[in-house]
Amino acid sequence: MELNISVMISEEEIDKKVRELGARISRDYAGRSVHLIGILRGGAFFMCELAKRITVPVTIDFMSVSSYGSGTVSSGVIKIGKDTDESIEGKDVIVVEDIVDTGRTLSYLLEMLKGRKPASIALCTLLDKPERRTHEVKVDYTGFQVPDKFVVGYGLDYAQKYRNLPYIGVVETEGE
């Protein structure tokens, strides 16, 4: 099934915002190093671009944590598919996500990671949908706030497709 997708945030706008976030993180962590934990799969696209824009020393790791199935609505079940490969104890950690929606997955994940005794923990997301929030989660670095629309591209998918779009697009359904 082909979807009708319209551009919400252009590739150029994303690039500019990622540079701004990288500069801000570099200032905030001046004199220290940061350990980025990218949330697979969608967060990998954003994290790789972000890491290139951070000027302090960076180490990276990945986790796979989800509450989504193959559809457009959260399943409500949180599943850790891949945990970090190294300890985060004593490290300044930034969790890097593609989108914060209900907050269910990230509130669970952040509490779990805090228990591993990092020096600090922050959350950086490319997209934030605050009107969908059902669980409180503090977002420290936000690229763009977006309305409650289903979006794809730049790592975000619909049934594992459209991640490779270089922009953020809105999936338009009949009647929109």
Protein backbone atom coordinates (compact mmCIF):
# COMPACT_ATOMS: atom_id res chain seq x y z
CA MET A 1 0.00 0.00 0.00
CA GLU A 2 1.38 3.40 -1.02
CA LEU A 3 0.74 6.24 1.38
CA ASN A 4 0.10 9.85 0.53
CA ILE A 5 2.86 11.71 2.40
CA SER A 6 3.26 15.48 2.52
CA VAL A 7 6.37 17.27 3.80
CA MET A 8 5.96 18.66 7.31
CA ILE A 9 9.63 19.44 8.10
CA SER A 10 12.15 19.73 5.27
CA GLU A 11 15.58 18.14 5.16
CA GLU A 12 17.13 21.62 5.43
CA GLU A 13 15.08 22.49 8.52
CA ILE A 14 16.09 19.21 10.17
CA ASP A 15 19.76 19.78 9.37
CA LYS A 16 19.64 23.29 10.87
CA LYS A 17 17.91 22.03 14.03
CA VAL A 18 20.35 19.12 14.49
CA ARG A 19 23.25 21.59 14.27
CA GLU A 20 21.56 23.80 16.91
CA LEU A 21 21.00 20.83 19.22
CA GLY A 22 24.59 19.66 18.78
CA ALA A 23 25.88 23.14 19.66
CA ARG A 24 23.63 23.36 22.71
CA ILE A 25 24.67 19.92 23.99
CA SER A 26 28.33 20.83 23.38
CA ARG A 27 27.92 23.99 25.50
CA ASP A 28 25.99 22.18 28.24
CA TYR A 29 28.61 19.41 28.50
CA ALA A 30 31.73 21.54 27.96
CA GLY A 31 34.73 19.92 29.63
CA ARG A 32 32.98 16.55 29.91
CA SER A 33 32.11 13.72 27.56
CA VAL A 34 28.67 12.39 26.71
CA HIS A 35 27.44 8.86 26.24
CA LEU A 36 24.63 8.76 23.69
CA ILE A 37 22.14 5.89 23.81
CA GLY A 38 20.19 5.75 20.57
CA ILE A 39 16.81 4.10 20.64
CA LEU A 40 16.54 1.74 17.69
CA ARG A 41 15.46 1.75 15.04
CA GLY A 42 14.22 5.22 14.31
CA GLY A 43 16.52 7.07 16.68
CA ALA A 44 19.64 5.79 14.89
CA PHE A 45 19.21 8.21 11.98
CA PHE A 46 18.92 11.22 14.29
CA MET A 47 21.64 10.10 16.71
CA CYS A 48 24.25 9.61 13.99
CA GLU A 49 23.66 13.11 12.63
CA LEU A 50 23.55 14.60 16.13
CA ALA A 51 26.79 12.91 17.22
CA LYS A 52 28.61 14.49 14.26
CA ARG A 53 27.52 17.95 15.51
CA ILE A 54 28.64 17.51 19.14
CA THR A 55 32.13 18.86 19.81
CA VAL A 56 32.79 17.24 23.21
CA PRO A 57 33.96 13.60 23.30
CA VAL A 58 31.11 11.22 22.44
CA THR A 59 30.61 7.51 22.98
CA ILE A 60 27.57 5.67 21.69
CA ASP A 61 25.42 2.68 22.44
CA PHE A 62 22.00 1.49 21.34
CA MET A 63 18.87 0.05 22.86
CA SER A 64 15.76 -1.33 21.27
CA VAL A 65 12.73 -0.45 23.35
CA SER A 66 9.24 -0.23 21.95
CA SER A 67 5.56 -0.19 22.65
CA TYR A 68 4.47 -0.21 19.04
CA GLY A 69 3.35 -3.00 16.80
CA SER A 70 3.10 -2.70 13.04
CA GLY A 71 0.27 -0.19 13.13
CA THR A 72 -0.09 3.47 14.00
CA VAL A 73 -1.24 3.10 17.62
CA SER A 74 0.82 2.16 20.67
CA SER A 75 0.21 -1.39 21.88
CA GLY A 76 0.80 -0.38 25.52
CA VAL A 77 3.22 -3.28 26.04
CA ILE A 78 6.84 -2.23 26.60
CA LYS A 79 9.48 -4.57 25.24
CA ILE A 80 13.28 -4.35 25.51
CA GLY A 81 14.63 -6.02 22.40
CA LYS A 82 18.27 -4.97 22.89
CA ASP A 83 19.91 -3.60 26.00
CA THR A 84 23.04 -1.45 26.20
CA ASP A 85 26.36 -3.17 25.59
CA GLU A 86 28.29 -1.32 28.29
CA SER A 87 27.75 0.08 31.76
CA ILE A 88 26.52 3.66 32.09
CA GLU A 89 27.53 3.99 35.74
CA GLY A 90 29.19 7.38 36.33
CA LYS A 91 28.60 8.57 32.75
CA ASP A 92 26.75 11.63 31.48
CA VAL A 93 24.07 9.90 29.42
CA ILE A 94 21.81 11.37 26.77
CA VAL A 95 19.04 9.10 25.50
CA VAL A 96 18.39 9.95 21.84
CA GLU A 97 14.93 9.22 20.45
CA ASP A 98 13.19 9.98 17.19
CA ILE A 99 9.84 10.93 18.74
CA VAL A 100 8.26 11.29 22.17
CA ASP A 101 4.59 10.46 21.93
CA THR A 102 2.65 9.19 24.96
CA GLY A 103 5.81 9.04 27.07
CA ARG A 104 4.97 5.52 28.26
CA THR A 105 8.06 3.85 26.82
CA LEU A 106 10.48 6.63 27.74
CA SER A 107 9.22 7.10 31.31
CA TYR A 108 9.80 3.38 31.86
CA LEU A 109 13.19 3.43 30.13
CA LEU A 110 14.51 6.53 31.91
CA GLU A 111 13.57 5.14 35.34
CA MET A 112 15.30 1.87 34.49
CA LEU A 113 18.45 3.68 33.31
CA LYS A 114 18.54 5.94 36.41
CA GLY A 115 18.82 2.76 38.45
CA ARG A 116 22.12 2.04 36.69
CA LYS A 117 23.72 5.07 38.41
CA PRO A 118 24.74 7.38 35.56
CA ALA A 119 26.33 10.70 36.61
CA SER A 120 23.44 12.38 34.79
CA ILE A 121 20.74 11.44 32.34
CA ALA A 122 19.01 13.61 29.76
CA LEU A 123 16.57 13.03 26.92
CA CYS A 124 16.98 14.41 23.41
CA THR A 125 14.27 13.91 20.81
CA LEU A 126 13.92 15.06 17.25
CA LEU A 127 10.13 15.27 17.52
CA ASP A 128 7.82 15.81 20.47
CA LYS A 129 4.03 15.34 20.50
CA PRO A 130 3.13 16.84 23.90
CA GLU A 131 -0.64 16.70 23.30
CA ARG A 132 -0.42 12.87 23.23
CA ARG A 133 1.40 12.61 26.57
CA THR A 134 -0.11 10.15 29.03
CA HIS A 135 3.05 9.61 31.11
CA GLU A 136 5.19 12.43 32.45
CA VAL A 137 8.63 12.58 30.88
CA LYS A 138 11.12 15.46 30.94
CA VAL A 139 12.49 16.22 27.49
CA ASP A 140 15.75 18.14 27.84
CA TYR A 141 16.47 18.73 24.15
CA THR A 142 13.69 18.97 21.58
CA GLY A 143 14.07 19.44 17.86
CA PHE A 144 10.47 20.15 16.88
CA GLN A 145 7.06 20.00 18.54
CA VAL A 146 4.60 18.43 16.13
CA PRO A 147 0.82 18.10 16.15
CA ASP A 148 -0.97 14.81 16.69
CA LYS A 149 -0.47 13.50 13.17
CA PHE A 150 1.13 10.25 12.07
CA VAL A 151 4.59 11.13 10.75
CA VAL A 152 7.26 9.22 8.84
CA GLY A 153 10.75 9.84 7.53
CA TYR A 154 14.19 10.55 9.00
CA GLY A 155 14.01 7.26 10.89
CA LEU A 156 10.28 7.19 11.63
CA ASP A 157 8.38 4.43 9.92
CA TYR A 158 5.05 3.01 8.97
CA ALA A 159 5.29 -0.81 9.10
CA GLN A 160 9.09 -0.53 8.70
CA LYS A 161 8.81 1.58 5.53
CA TYR A 162 9.59 5.25 4.81
CA ARG A 163 12.42 5.55 7.40
CA ASN A 164 14.77 6.61 4.61
CA LEU A 165 12.87 9.75 3.64
CA PRO A 166 15.23 12.71 4.26
CA TYR A 167 12.38 14.82 5.66
CA ILE A 168 9.52 14.43 8.15
CA GLY A 169 6.30 13.75 6.31
CA VAL A 170 2.69 13.54 7.42
CA VAL A 171 0.76 10.45 6.42
CA GLU A 172 -2.47 11.69 4.95
CA THR A 173 -5.49 9.48 5.04
CA GLU A 174 -8.71 9.77 3.06
CA GLY A 175 -10.67 12.83 4.05
CA GLU A 176 -7.70 14.91 5.25
